[in-house]
Amino acid sequence: MKPCIFALSDDAGVMAKTAPLSAERAIAETRAWVDRAVIGLNLCPFAKAPQVKGQVRYAVSEASQAEALLAALVDELGRLAEAPVDRIETTLLIHPWVLGDFADYNDFLGPAEAAVAALGLEGVIQVASFHPQYRFAGSAPDDLANATNRSPYPTLHLLREESIARAVLAFPQAEAIFEANIATLRRLGAAGWSDLQRQCREDAEP
């Protein structure tokens, strides 16, 4: 289990390429999700500092095919590896127009990990997965535990291994975070979760 990665969802699913969605809107809604859900619900105790310091890179791929998304991922992996940590701590690569089906998205994670290896970045950067339809194996579709890995749009989260190591030192019982998140979301309930999603969408309005 990876320690504390971001989460939320829009149960309406991924918007079609023809929908009036801009990269700016996708970033604004994702930022709102980080502020309201990840930080606001304390789903990740380590998310606030890089967000406040402006060290989270929000990137949008306009890819509509997996091959183009893979190329964008390679670019972002290189950018993160080369950037000073005080400039970019972590990257959220948002891709609203490709891999809207969760099964297809899940299949893409293999090539994504292969790209990390091909760039010689194993042990340096890892890719975490978030999707509006994310579902843990064996869970019911409406189980709020799934929301710990759901995001407004399909998103690849690029994390520095050194950042994860620091987080584990600060909070060695990382599994407890995951369990606490599930309890938080279930206390919030479906209505509360739906309201939070609505607030994120409203925050993203121009």
Protein backbone atom coordinates (compact mmCIF):
# COMPACT_ATOMS: atom_id res chain seq x y z
CA MET A 1 0.00 0.00 0.00
CA LYS A 2 1.52 3.35 -1.02
CA PRO A 3 1.41 5.92 1.80
CA CYS A 4 -1.21 8.61 1.44
CA ILE A 5 -1.95 9.53 -2.13
CA PHE A 6 -4.66 11.90 -3.22
CA ALA A 7 -8.32 10.93 -3.72
CA LEU A 8 -11.88 12.03 -4.71
CA SER A 9 -14.16 11.37 -7.64
CA ASP A 10 -16.85 12.60 -9.95
CA ASP A 11 -19.22 9.68 -10.17
CA ALA A 12 -20.46 10.99 -13.50
CA GLY A 13 -17.28 9.49 -14.94
CA VAL A 14 -14.86 10.89 -17.48
CA MET A 15 -16.16 13.63 -19.74
CA ALA A 16 -16.18 12.92 -23.45
CA LYS A 17 -13.69 14.66 -25.72
CA THR A 18 -16.53 16.74 -27.14
CA ALA A 19 -17.58 18.04 -23.71
CA PRO A 20 -16.78 21.69 -22.92
CA LEU A 21 -13.84 20.89 -20.69
CA SER A 22 -10.59 22.83 -20.79
CA ALA A 23 -7.22 22.00 -19.30
CA GLU A 24 -7.66 24.99 -17.00
CA ARG A 25 -10.96 23.62 -15.72
CA ALA A 26 -9.49 20.15 -15.16
CA ILE A 27 -6.64 21.65 -13.13
CA ALA A 28 -8.95 23.93 -11.15
CA GLU A 29 -11.22 21.05 -10.16
CA THR A 30 -8.27 18.85 -9.27
CA ARG A 31 -6.78 21.62 -7.12
CA ALA A 32 -10.12 22.04 -5.37
CA TRP A 33 -10.21 18.29 -4.74
CA VAL A 34 -6.76 18.37 -3.18
CA ASP A 35 -7.75 21.31 -0.96
CA ARG A 36 -11.17 20.07 0.10
CA ALA A 37 -10.75 16.29 0.19
CA VAL A 38 -7.09 15.40 0.49
CA ILE A 39 -6.14 18.23 2.83
CA GLY A 40 -9.57 19.21 4.16
CA LEU A 41 -10.41 15.66 5.27
CA ASN A 42 -6.77 15.00 6.22
CA LEU A 43 -6.64 12.01 3.89
CA CYS A 44 -2.91 12.64 3.51
CA PRO A 45 -1.05 14.27 6.39
CA PHE A 46 1.82 15.15 4.04
CA ALA A 47 -0.13 16.85 1.26
CA LYS A 48 -0.58 20.31 2.76
CA ALA A 49 3.05 21.44 2.78
CA PRO A 50 3.82 20.98 -0.94
CA GLN A 51 0.39 22.37 -1.89
CA VAL A 52 0.89 25.51 0.20
CA LYS A 53 4.45 25.95 -1.08
CA GLY A 54 3.34 25.60 -4.70
CA GLN A 55 5.44 22.46 -5.20
CA VAL A 56 2.68 20.34 -6.75
CA ARG A 57 2.81 20.38 -10.55
CA TYR A 58 -0.63 20.03 -12.17
CA ALA A 59 -0.22 18.92 -15.79
CA VAL A 60 -2.96 18.04 -18.26
CA SER A 61 -2.45 15.70 -21.21
CA GLU A 62 -4.81 16.30 -24.12
CA ALA A 63 -4.08 12.79 -25.38
CA SER A 64 -6.99 10.77 -26.73
CA GLN A 65 -4.89 7.64 -27.32
CA ALA A 66 -2.82 5.64 -24.85
CA GLU A 67 0.33 6.02 -26.95
CA ALA A 68 0.16 9.81 -26.71
CA LEU A 69 -0.46 9.62 -22.98
CA LEU A 70 2.60 7.40 -22.59
CA ALA A 71 4.71 10.00 -24.39
CA ALA A 72 3.34 12.70 -22.06
CA LEU A 73 4.13 10.51 -19.07
CA VAL A 74 7.74 10.06 -20.25
CA ASP A 75 8.06 13.85 -20.56
CA GLU A 76 6.68 14.43 -17.07
CA LEU A 77 8.88 11.73 -15.54
CA GLY A 78 11.94 13.43 -17.02
CA ARG A 79 10.79 16.85 -15.87
CA LEU A 80 10.25 15.68 -12.30
CA ALA A 81 13.56 13.81 -12.17
CA GLU A 82 15.48 16.87 -13.34
CA ALA A 83 13.65 19.48 -11.23
CA PRO A 84 14.88 20.50 -7.77
CA VAL A 85 12.61 19.07 -5.11
CA ASP A 86 11.96 22.55 -3.72
CA ARG A 87 10.48 23.51 -7.09
CA ILE A 88 8.48 20.36 -7.93
CA GLU A 89 7.83 17.92 -5.11
CA THR A 90 5.28 15.82 -6.98
CA THR A 91 3.30 15.81 -10.24
CA LEU A 92 -0.34 15.10 -10.99
CA LEU A 93 -0.70 14.19 -14.67
CA ILE A 94 -4.41 14.61 -15.42
CA HIS A 95 -5.72 12.97 -18.62
CA PRO A 96 -9.46 13.56 -19.00
CA TRP A 97 -9.82 12.36 -22.60
CA VAL A 98 -8.16 8.95 -22.54
CA LEU A 99 -8.52 5.75 -20.47
CA GLY A 100 -11.96 6.70 -19.18
CA ASP A 101 -12.72 3.00 -18.71
CA PHE A 102 -11.12 1.82 -15.47
CA ALA A 103 -10.14 -1.56 -16.90
CA ASP A 104 -8.27 0.16 -19.75
CA TYR A 105 -6.67 2.52 -17.27
CA ASN A 106 -5.56 -0.39 -15.11
CA ASP A 107 -4.00 -2.09 -18.14
CA PHE A 108 -2.03 1.09 -18.84
CA LEU A 109 -0.24 0.92 -15.51
CA GLY A 110 2.03 -1.86 -16.79
CA PRO A 111 3.44 0.27 -19.64
CA ALA A 112 3.66 3.20 -17.23
CA GLU A 113 5.86 1.22 -14.85
CA ALA A 114 7.90 -0.04 -17.81
CA ALA A 115 8.52 3.58 -18.81
CA VAL A 116 9.86 4.34 -15.34
CA ALA A 117 12.26 1.40 -15.67
CA ALA A 118 13.31 2.32 -19.22
CA LEU A 119 14.26 5.82 -18.03
CA GLY A 120 16.38 4.36 -15.22
CA LEU A 121 14.07 5.87 -12.61
CA GLU A 122 13.19 2.76 -10.60
CA GLY A 123 13.82 3.62 -6.97
CA VAL A 124 13.64 7.32 -7.87
CA ILE A 125 10.04 7.89 -8.99
CA GLN A 126 6.93 5.75 -8.73
CA VAL A 127 3.54 6.12 -10.38
CA ALA A 128 0.38 5.94 -8.30
CA SER A 129 -3.06 5.48 -9.86
CA PHE A 130 -6.29 7.44 -9.42
CA HIS A 131 -9.47 7.25 -11.43
CA PRO A 132 -13.12 8.35 -11.09
CA GLN A 133 -14.23 4.71 -11.30
CA TYR A 134 -11.49 3.23 -9.10
CA ARG A 135 -12.60 0.07 -7.38
CA PHE A 136 -10.65 -2.17 -5.03
CA ALA A 137 -10.80 -5.86 -5.83
CA GLY A 138 -13.76 -7.46 -4.13
CA SER A 139 -15.40 -4.17 -3.15
CA ALA A 140 -18.89 -3.01 -4.07
CA PRO A 141 -19.04 -0.13 -6.58
CA ASP A 142 -20.73 2.14 -4.01
CA ASP A 143 -18.31 1.32 -1.16
CA LEU A 144 -16.88 4.68 -0.07
CA ALA A 145 -13.55 2.97 0.61
CA ASN A 146 -13.01 3.14 -3.15
CA ALA A 147 -12.99 6.95 -2.92
CA THR A 148 -9.51 6.86 -1.36
CA ASN A 149 -8.21 6.22 -4.90
CA ARG A 150 -10.74 8.21 -6.90
CA SER A 151 -10.01 11.54 -8.54
CA PRO A 152 -12.16 13.97 -10.55
CA TYR A 153 -10.45 12.82 -13.77
CA PRO A 154 -8.09 9.94 -14.55
CA THR A 155 -4.79 10.94 -13.02
CA LEU A 156 -1.28 9.53 -12.76
CA HIS A 157 0.48 10.70 -9.62
CA LEU A 158 4.26 10.83 -9.93
CA LEU A 159 5.97 10.58 -6.56
CA ARG A 160 9.60 10.89 -5.59
CA GLU A 161 10.76 7.84 -3.67
CA GLU A 162 12.77 10.11 -1.35
CA SER A 163 9.58 11.96 -0.44
CA ILE A 164 7.86 8.67 0.37
CA ALA A 165 10.82 7.65 2.53
CA ARG A 166 10.60 10.91 4.49
CA ALA A 167 6.87 10.43 4.92
CA VAL A 168 7.35 6.91 6.26
CA LEU A 169 9.93 8.17 8.76
CA ALA A 170 7.50 10.85 9.91
CA PHE A 171 4.60 8.40 10.07
CA PRO A 172 5.93 4.84 10.19
CA GLN A 173 2.47 3.25 10.48
CA ALA A 174 1.41 4.24 6.96
CA GLU A 175 -1.23 1.49 6.86
CA ALA A 176 -3.03 3.32 9.67
CA ILE A 177 -3.54 6.31 7.35
CA PHE A 178 -5.39 4.15 4.83
CA GLU A 179 -7.59 2.64 7.52
CA ALA A 180 -8.31 6.08 9.02
CA ASN A 181 -9.24 7.41 5.57
CA ILE A 182 -11.80 4.67 5.06
CA ALA A 183 -13.32 5.44 8.46
CA THR A 184 -13.41 9.16 7.62
CA LEU A 185 -15.15 8.60 4.30
CA ARG A 186 -17.70 6.20 5.75
CA ARG A 187 -18.52 8.70 8.50
CA LEU A 188 -18.95 11.36 5.83
CA GLY A 189 -21.40 9.13 4.03
CA ALA A 190 -22.58 9.12 0.45
CA ALA A 191 -24.52 12.39 0.80
CA GLY A 192 -21.57 14.18 2.37
CA TRP A 193 -19.21 12.86 -0.27
CA SER A 194 -21.55 13.96 -3.05
CA ASP A 195 -21.76 17.42 -1.50
CA LEU A 196 -17.97 17.68 -1.32
CA GLN A 197 -17.72 16.77 -4.99
CA ARG A 198 -20.27 19.45 -5.84
CA GLN A 199 -18.26 22.00 -3.89
CA CYS A 200 -15.13 21.07 -5.84
CA ARG A 201 -16.94 21.58 -9.12
CA GLU A 202 -18.27 24.93 -7.93
CA ASP A 203 -14.79 25.99 -6.79
CA ALA A 204 -13.55 25.32 -10.32
CA GLU A 205 -16.12 27.62 -11.92
CA PRO A 206 -14.55 30.73 -13.48
